[in-house]
Amino acid sequence: MKKESLTYEYVKGLWDINPTFKQILGTCPTLAVTVTVMNGIAMALATTFVLVFSSLFISLVRKLIPNQVRIAAYIVIIASFVTITDLVMKAQFPDLSKALGPFIPLIVVNCIILGRAEAFASKNTPFRSVLDALGNGTGFLLALIVMSGIREILGSKTFLGMQVLPDQFETWTVMILPAGAFLTFGLLMGFSNAFMDRKKRLEQQALIKKYRENSASLKEQEV
């Protein structure tokens, strides 16, 4: 099987296989904690920490884990790093820990982490696994910043706690409610799909043009 470049192992997570908009994974914390940008950043960084180190360790011991118990073994490794993250946040960032509530411990069952462990880390070298995890973590971070930015600006007139809209602007209360999360996520998914459809059409047009040029060239040679 052809190996992708090391650069691609990282950048693919930013868009091509973005966990939020392409793989549709981790939607529970995406919808729940994106009321403010700070909450979104904290959730994404915590998830990325767990994702990177669990992918590293799973890749290191992948040949030692019996196939029959691999999922259970992955969960034990993931849970260890989630525990570290939870304890550090409670000790160093108690306000953020309280704001995120149960969603830090629930990283254990976040499909992004288990999905990358099963699909990539268990089949690749530690370095490639770390790059893949960093890329997916960064993609998750960007998605949460976009979602939480839209919701915080429209729902509270602020960005990272700083007012960015004038006092005359009437806040959209719905944006800080669960309905606002679904609305924002749905619109972003729609834009994402529209962009991909346009990209595919351009690629198809390029292939058709190339085919026609090759066909015309062959006809000229025959003549």
C-alpha atoms as a PDB file:
ATOM      1  CA  MET A   1       0.000   0.000   0.000  1.00  0.00           C
ATOM      2  CA  LYS A   2       1.311   3.433  -0.966  1.00  0.00           C
ATOM      3  CA  LYS A   3       2.430   5.572   1.958  1.00  0.00           C
ATOM      4  CA  GLU A   4       1.297   9.189   1.986  1.00  0.00           C
ATOM      5  CA  SER A   5       3.818  11.958   2.639  1.00  0.00           C
ATOM      6  CA  LEU A   6       4.426  13.014   6.227  1.00  0.00           C
ATOM      7  CA  THR A   7       3.037  16.465   5.478  1.00  0.00           C
ATOM      8  CA  TYR A   8      -0.208  14.975   4.184  1.00  0.00           C
ATOM      9  CA  GLU A   9      -0.570  12.830   7.320  1.00  0.00           C
ATOM     10  CA  TYR A  10      -0.933  16.098   9.233  1.00  0.00           C
ATOM     11  CA  VAL A  11      -2.832  18.372   6.835  1.00  0.00           C
ATOM     12  CA  LYS A  12      -5.476  15.786   5.879  1.00  0.00           C
ATOM     13  CA  GLY A  13      -7.087  16.255   9.289  1.00  0.00           C
ATOM     14  CA  LEU A  14      -7.563  19.969   8.693  1.00  0.00           C
ATOM     15  CA  TRP A  15     -10.087  19.439   5.880  1.00  0.00           C
ATOM     16  CA  ASP A  16      -9.973  16.182   3.874  1.00  0.00           C
ATOM     17  CA  ILE A  17     -10.940  14.048   6.887  1.00  0.00           C
ATOM     18  CA  ASN A  18     -11.871  16.800   9.338  1.00  0.00           C
ATOM     19  CA  PRO A  19     -13.371  14.971  12.330  1.00  0.00           C
ATOM     20  CA  THR A  20     -16.299  17.360  12.688  1.00  0.00           C
ATOM     21  CA  PHE A  21     -17.339  18.251   9.150  1.00  0.00           C
ATOM     22  CA  LYS A  22     -16.134  15.190   7.197  1.00  0.00           C
ATOM     23  CA  GLN A  23     -16.171  12.220   9.567  1.00  0.00           C
ATOM     24  CA  ILE A  24     -19.038  13.640  11.668  1.00  0.00           C
ATOM     25  CA  LEU A  25     -17.360  12.466  14.883  1.00  0.00           C
ATOM     26  CA  GLY A  26     -17.306  14.054  18.329  1.00  0.00           C
ATOM     27  CA  THR A  27     -20.589  15.875  17.706  1.00  0.00           C
ATOM     28  CA  CYS A  28     -21.710  15.606  21.351  1.00  0.00           C
ATOM     29  CA  PRO A  29     -19.020  17.957  22.772  1.00  0.00           C
ATOM     30  CA  THR A  30     -19.140  20.009  19.569  1.00  0.00           C
ATOM     31  CA  LEU A  31     -22.790  20.854  20.177  1.00  0.00           C
ATOM     32  CA  ALA A  32     -22.622  21.047  23.960  1.00  0.00           C
ATOM     33  CA  VAL A  33     -19.578  23.167  24.831  1.00  0.00           C
ATOM     34  CA  THR A  34     -19.419  25.701  22.001  1.00  0.00           C
ATOM     35  CA  VAL A  35     -21.414  28.419  23.779  1.00  0.00           C
ATOM     36  CA  THR A  36     -18.133  30.341  24.199  1.00  0.00           C
ATOM     37  CA  VAL A  37     -14.864  30.263  22.274  1.00  0.00           C
ATOM     38  CA  MET A  38     -12.843  29.630  25.433  1.00  0.00           C
ATOM     39  CA  ASN A  39     -14.869  26.503  26.197  1.00  0.00           C
ATOM     40  CA  GLY A  40     -14.410  25.299  22.609  1.00  0.00           C
ATOM     41  CA  ILE A  41     -10.646  25.836  22.687  1.00  0.00           C
ATOM     42  CA  ALA A  42     -10.288  24.117  26.064  1.00  0.00           C
ATOM     43  CA  MET A  43     -12.336  21.121  24.909  1.00  0.00           C
ATOM     44  CA  ALA A  44     -10.380  20.806  21.660  1.00  0.00           C
ATOM     45  CA  LEU A  45      -6.982  21.077  23.373  1.00  0.00           C
ATOM     46  CA  ALA A  46      -7.938  18.481  25.982  1.00  0.00           C
ATOM     47  CA  THR A  47      -9.157  16.143  23.250  1.00  0.00           C
ATOM     48  CA  THR A  48      -6.002  16.723  21.189  1.00  0.00           C
ATOM     49  CA  PHE A  49      -3.759  15.921  24.161  1.00  0.00           C
ATOM     50  CA  VAL A  50      -5.548  12.627  24.730  1.00  0.00           C
ATOM     51  CA  LEU A  51      -5.645  11.880  20.998  1.00  0.00           C
ATOM     52  CA  VAL A  52      -1.914  12.460  20.447  1.00  0.00           C
ATOM     53  CA  PHE A  53      -0.625  10.486  23.412  1.00  0.00           C
ATOM     54  CA  SER A  54      -3.113   7.632  23.099  1.00  0.00           C
ATOM     55  CA  SER A  55      -2.250   7.296  19.383  1.00  0.00           C
ATOM     56  CA  LEU A  56       1.455   7.283  20.249  1.00  0.00           C
ATOM     57  CA  PHE A  57       1.130   4.564  22.888  1.00  0.00           C
ATOM     58  CA  ILE A  58      -1.282   2.459  20.847  1.00  0.00           C
ATOM     59  CA  SER A  59       1.115   2.576  17.906  1.00  0.00           C
ATOM     60  CA  LEU A  60       4.038   1.590  20.144  1.00  0.00           C
ATOM     61  CA  VAL A  61       2.268  -1.481  21.560  1.00  0.00           C
ATOM     62  CA  ARG A  62       0.106  -2.349  18.542  1.00  0.00           C
ATOM     63  CA  LYS A  63       1.978  -5.600  17.847  1.00  0.00           C
ATOM     64  CA  LEU A  64       1.723  -6.699  21.479  1.00  0.00           C
ATOM     65  CA  ILE A  65      -2.067  -6.365  21.822  1.00  0.00           C
ATOM     66  CA  PRO A  66      -4.070  -9.499  20.916  1.00  0.00           C
ATOM     67  CA  ASN A  67      -6.634  -8.765  18.243  1.00  0.00           C
ATOM     68  CA  GLN A  68      -9.490 -10.087  20.372  1.00  0.00           C
ATOM     69  CA  VAL A  69      -8.994  -7.487  23.128  1.00  0.00           C
ATOM     70  CA  ARG A  70      -7.648  -4.556  21.126  1.00  0.00           C
ATOM     71  CA  ILE A  71     -10.683  -2.274  21.689  1.00  0.00           C
ATOM     72  CA  ALA A  72     -10.613  -2.883  25.445  1.00  0.00           C
ATOM     73  CA  ALA A  73      -6.872  -2.213  25.481  1.00  0.00           C
ATOM     74  CA  TYR A  74      -7.336   1.009  23.505  1.00  0.00           C
ATOM     75  CA  ILE A  75      -9.969   2.216  25.969  1.00  0.00           C
ATOM     76  CA  VAL A  76      -7.675   1.537  28.940  1.00  0.00           C
ATOM     77  CA  ILE A  77      -4.888   3.581  27.317  1.00  0.00           C
ATOM     78  CA  ILE A  78      -7.279   6.394  26.379  1.00  0.00           C
ATOM     79  CA  ALA A  79      -8.844   6.432  29.856  1.00  0.00           C
ATOM     80  CA  SER A  80      -5.408   6.828  31.450  1.00  0.00           C
ATOM     81  CA  PHE A  81      -4.734  10.047  29.539  1.00  0.00           C
ATOM     82  CA  VAL A  82      -8.275  11.303  30.085  1.00  0.00           C
ATOM     83  CA  THR A  83      -7.756  10.884  33.834  1.00  0.00           C
ATOM     84  CA  ILE A  84      -4.523  12.901  33.643  1.00  0.00           C
ATOM     85  CA  THR A  85      -6.288  15.627  31.662  1.00  0.00           C
ATOM     86  CA  ASP A  86      -9.248  15.763  34.032  1.00  0.00           C
ATOM     87  CA  LEU A  87      -7.074  15.992  37.160  1.00  0.00           C
ATOM     88  CA  VAL A  88      -4.807  18.675  35.677  1.00  0.00           C
ATOM     89  CA  MET A  89      -7.776  20.784  34.570  1.00  0.00           C
ATOM     90  CA  LYS A  90      -9.435  20.521  37.980  1.00  0.00           C
ATOM     91  CA  ALA A  91      -6.189  21.575  39.679  1.00  0.00           C
ATOM     92  CA  GLN A  92      -5.002  24.296  37.284  1.00  0.00           C
ATOM     93  CA  PHE A  93      -8.162  25.514  35.529  1.00  0.00           C
ATOM     94  CA  PRO A  94     -11.068  24.886  37.914  1.00  0.00           C
ATOM     95  CA  ASP A  95     -13.413  27.350  36.206  1.00  0.00           C
ATOM     96  CA  LEU A  96     -12.928  25.747  32.800  1.00  0.00           C
ATOM     97  CA  SER A  97     -13.243  22.292  34.318  1.00  0.00           C
ATOM     98  CA  LYS A  98     -16.552  23.293  35.903  1.00  0.00           C
ATOM     99  CA  ALA A  99     -17.790  24.874  32.665  1.00  0.00           C
ATOM    100  CA  LEU A 100     -17.011  21.758  30.618  1.00  0.00           C
ATOM    101  CA  GLY A 101     -18.559  19.518  33.258  1.00  0.00           C
ATOM    102  CA  PRO A 102     -18.774  15.819  32.360  1.00  0.00           C
ATOM    103  CA  PHE A 103     -17.486  16.302  28.815  1.00  0.00           C
ATOM    104  CA  ILE A 104     -13.832  15.975  29.878  1.00  0.00           C
ATOM    105  CA  PRO A 105     -14.329  12.471  31.388  1.00  0.00           C
ATOM    106  CA  LEU A 106     -16.482  11.598  28.367  1.00  0.00           C
ATOM    107  CA  ILE A 107     -13.443  12.034  26.108  1.00  0.00           C
ATOM    108  CA  VAL A 108     -12.896   8.342  26.906  1.00  0.00           C
ATOM    109  CA  VAL A 109     -15.729   7.448  24.545  1.00  0.00           C
ATOM    110  CA  ASN A 110     -15.109  10.222  22.018  1.00  0.00           C
ATOM    111  CA  CYS A 111     -15.344   8.573  18.601  1.00  0.00           C
ATOM    112  CA  ILE A 112     -12.544  10.731  17.191  1.00  0.00           C
ATOM    113  CA  ILE A 113      -9.969   9.137  19.489  1.00  0.00           C
ATOM    114  CA  LEU A 114     -11.151   5.548  19.248  1.00  0.00           C
ATOM    115  CA  GLY A 115     -11.679   5.958  15.506  1.00  0.00           C
ATOM    116  CA  ARG A 116      -8.130   7.175  14.834  1.00  0.00           C
ATOM    117  CA  ALA A 117      -6.747   4.465  17.113  1.00  0.00           C
ATOM    118  CA  GLU A 118      -8.509   1.723  15.190  1.00  0.00           C
ATOM    119  CA  ALA A 119      -8.175   3.201  11.699  1.00  0.00           C
ATOM    120  CA  PHE A 120      -4.636   4.581  11.866  1.00  0.00           C
ATOM    121  CA  ALA A 121      -2.531   4.234  15.023  1.00  0.00           C
ATOM    122  CA  SER A 122      -2.970   0.474  15.184  1.00  0.00           C
ATOM    123  CA  LYS A 123      -1.587   0.102  11.642  1.00  0.00           C
ATOM    124  CA  ASN A 124       1.156   2.745  11.410  1.00  0.00           C
ATOM    125  CA  THR A 125       4.432   3.846  12.978  1.00  0.00           C
ATOM    126  CA  PRO A 126       4.453   6.064  16.097  1.00  0.00           C
ATOM    127  CA  PHE A 127       5.660   9.158  14.208  1.00  0.00           C
ATOM    128  CA  ARG A 128       2.964   8.897  11.542  1.00  0.00           C
ATOM    129  CA  SER A 129       0.369   8.209  14.224  1.00  0.00           C
ATOM    130  CA  VAL A 130       1.359  11.356  16.132  1.00  0.00           C
ATOM    131  CA  LEU A 131       1.164  13.447  12.936  1.00  0.00           C
ATOM    132  CA  ASP A 132      -2.261  11.987  12.143  1.00  0.00           C
ATOM    133  CA  ALA A 133      -3.456  12.701  15.692  1.00  0.00           C
ATOM    134  CA  LEU A 134      -2.116  16.267  15.617  1.00  0.00           C
ATOM    135  CA  GLY A 135      -3.816  16.916  12.284  1.00  0.00           C
ATOM    136  CA  ASN A 136      -7.166  15.599  13.458  1.00  0.00           C
ATOM    137  CA  GLY A 137      -6.817  17.475  16.738  1.00  0.00           C
ATOM    138  CA  THR A 138      -6.082  20.702  14.896  1.00  0.00           C
ATOM    139  CA  GLY A 139      -9.041  20.116  12.598  1.00  0.00           C
ATOM    140  CA  PHE A 140     -11.256  19.573  15.633  1.00  0.00           C
ATOM    141  CA  LEU A 141      -9.886  22.763  17.210  1.00  0.00           C
ATOM    142  CA  LEU A 142     -10.608  24.822  14.084  1.00  0.00           C
ATOM    143  CA  ALA A 143     -14.136  23.424  13.854  1.00  0.00           C
ATOM    144  CA  LEU A 144     -14.886  24.255  17.488  1.00  0.00           C
ATOM    145  CA  ILE A 145     -13.444  27.769  17.171  1.00  0.00           C
ATOM    146  CA  VAL A 146     -15.631  28.469  14.131  1.00  0.00           C
ATOM    147  CA  MET A 147     -18.758  27.087  15.796  1.00  0.00           C
ATOM    148  CA  SER A 148     -18.198  28.705  19.168  1.00  0.00           C
ATOM    149  CA  GLY A 149     -17.131  31.986  17.530  1.00  0.00           C
ATOM    150  CA  ILE A 150     -20.402  32.259  15.609  1.00  0.00           C
ATOM    151  CA  ARG A 151     -22.479  31.339  18.649  1.00  0.00           C
ATOM    152  CA  GLU A 152     -20.660  33.618  21.086  1.00  0.00           C
ATOM    153  CA  ILE A 153     -20.641  36.640  18.752  1.00  0.00           C
ATOM    154  CA  LEU A 154     -24.318  36.387  17.838  1.00  0.00           C
ATOM    155  CA  GLY A 155     -25.496  35.156  21.232  1.00  0.00           C
ATOM    156  CA  SER A 156     -23.403  37.351  23.536  1.00  0.00           C
ATOM    157  CA  LYS A 157     -21.842  40.067  21.316  1.00  0.00           C
ATOM    158  CA  THR A 158     -18.400  38.921  22.516  1.00  0.00           C
ATOM    159  CA  PHE A 159     -15.420  36.907  21.280  1.00  0.00           C
ATOM    160  CA  LEU A 160     -13.186  35.362  23.947  1.00  0.00           C
ATOM    161  CA  GLY A 161     -15.068  37.522  26.433  1.00  0.00           C
ATOM    162  CA  MET A 162     -14.340  40.813  24.618  1.00  0.00           C
ATOM    163  CA  GLN A 163     -17.256  42.750  23.145  1.00  0.00           C
ATOM    164  CA  VAL A 164     -17.040  42.870  19.343  1.00  0.00           C
ATOM    165  CA  LEU A 165     -20.548  44.036  18.413  1.00  0.00           C
ATOM    166  CA  PRO A 166     -22.092  47.399  19.338  1.00  0.00           C
ATOM    167  CA  ASP A 167     -24.504  47.796  22.212  1.00  0.00           C
ATOM    168  CA  GLN A 168     -27.282  48.482  19.699  1.00  0.00           C
ATOM    169  CA  PHE A 169     -27.042  44.944  18.382  1.00  0.00           C
ATOM    170  CA  GLU A 170     -29.793  42.738  19.791  1.00  0.00           C
ATOM    171  CA  THR A 171     -28.346  39.380  20.769  1.00  0.00           C
ATOM    172  CA  TRP A 172     -29.780  36.188  19.327  1.00  0.00           C
ATOM    173  CA  THR A 173     -30.708  34.277  22.459  1.00  0.00           C
ATOM    174  CA  VAL A 174     -31.257  31.118  20.446  1.00  0.00           C
ATOM    175  CA  MET A 175     -27.512  30.932  19.704  1.00  0.00           C
ATOM    176  CA  ILE A 176     -26.624  30.177  23.325  1.00  0.00           C
ATOM    177  CA  LEU A 177     -29.329  27.527  23.548  1.00  0.00           C
ATOM    178  CA  PRO A 178     -29.102  23.916  22.298  1.00  0.00           C
ATOM    179  CA  ALA A 179     -31.186  24.879  19.258  1.00  0.00           C
ATOM    180  CA  GLY A 180     -28.479  27.381  18.275  1.00  0.00           C
ATOM    181  CA  ALA A 181     -25.868  24.642  18.356  1.00  0.00           C
ATOM    182  CA  PHE A 182     -27.862  22.452  15.967  1.00  0.00           C
ATOM    183  CA  LEU A 183     -28.643  25.414  13.709  1.00  0.00           C
ATOM    184  CA  THR A 184     -24.988  26.499  13.498  1.00  0.00           C
ATOM    185  CA  PHE A 185     -23.739  22.962  12.967  1.00  0.00           C
ATOM    186  CA  GLY A 186     -26.304  22.315  10.242  1.00  0.00           C
ATOM    187  CA  LEU A 187     -25.444  25.509   8.352  1.00  0.00           C
ATOM    188  CA  LEU A 188     -21.693  24.818   8.556  1.00  0.00           C
ATOM    189  CA  MET A 189     -22.256  21.265   7.331  1.00  0.00           C
ATOM    190  CA  GLY A 190     -24.269  22.665   4.434  1.00  0.00           C
ATOM    191  CA  PHE A 191     -21.503  25.097   3.462  1.00  0.00           C
ATOM    192  CA  SER A 192     -18.942  22.305   3.768  1.00  0.00           C
ATOM    193  CA  ASN A 193     -20.909  20.004   1.464  1.00  0.00           C
ATOM    194  CA  ALA A 194     -21.544  22.814  -1.033  1.00  0.00           C
ATOM    195  CA  PHE A 195     -17.812  23.552  -1.174  1.00  0.00           C
ATOM    196  CA  MET A 196     -16.999  19.886  -1.713  1.00  0.00           C
ATOM    197  CA  ASP A 197     -19.628  19.570  -4.455  1.00  0.00           C
ATOM    198  CA  ARG A 198     -18.089  22.553  -6.261  1.00  0.00           C
ATOM    199  CA  LYS A 199     -14.614  21.089  -5.844  1.00  0.00           C
ATOM    200  CA  LYS A 200     -15.754  17.744  -7.265  1.00  0.00           C
ATOM    201  CA  ARG A 201     -17.415  19.460 -10.232  1.00  0.00           C
ATOM    202  CA  LEU A 202     -14.200  21.343 -11.001  1.00  0.00           C
ATOM    203  CA  GLU A 203     -12.190  18.109 -10.778  1.00  0.00           C
ATOM    204  CA  GLN A 204     -14.641  16.343 -13.093  1.00  0.00           C
ATOM    205  CA  GLN A 205     -14.498  19.204 -15.578  1.00  0.00           C
ATOM    206  CA  ALA A 206     -10.702  19.085 -15.519  1.00  0.00           C
ATOM    207  CA  LEU A 207     -10.752  15.323 -16.195  1.00  0.00           C
ATOM    208  CA  ILE A 208     -13.240  15.735 -19.055  1.00  0.00           C
ATOM    209  CA  LYS A 209     -11.120  18.495 -20.590  1.00  0.00           C
ATOM    210  CA  LYS A 210      -7.992  16.362 -20.319  1.00  0.00           C
ATOM    211  CA  TYR A 211      -9.819  13.391 -21.886  1.00  0.00           C
ATOM    212  CA  ARG A 212     -11.005  15.503 -24.798  1.00  0.00           C
ATOM    213  CA  GLU A 213      -7.517  16.910 -25.350  1.00  0.00           C
ATOM    214  CA  ASN A 214      -6.037  13.388 -25.366  1.00  0.00           C
ATOM    215  CA  SER A 215      -8.753  12.185 -27.753  1.00  0.00           C
ATOM    216  CA  ALA A 216      -8.099  15.085 -30.129  1.00  0.00           C
ATOM    217  CA  SER A 217      -4.367  14.406 -29.989  1.00  0.00           C
ATOM    218  CA  LEU A 218      -4.881  10.722 -30.871  1.00  0.00           C
ATOM    219  CA  LYS A 219      -7.143  11.631 -33.804  1.00  0.00           C
ATOM    220  CA  GLU A 220      -4.492  14.005 -35.141  1.00  0.00           C
ATOM    221  CA  GLN A 221      -1.859  11.267 -34.907  1.00  0.00           C
ATOM    222  CA  GLU A 222      -4.120   8.835 -36.774  1.00  0.00           C
ATOM    223  CA  VAL A 223      -4.618  11.359 -39.571  1.00  0.00           C
END
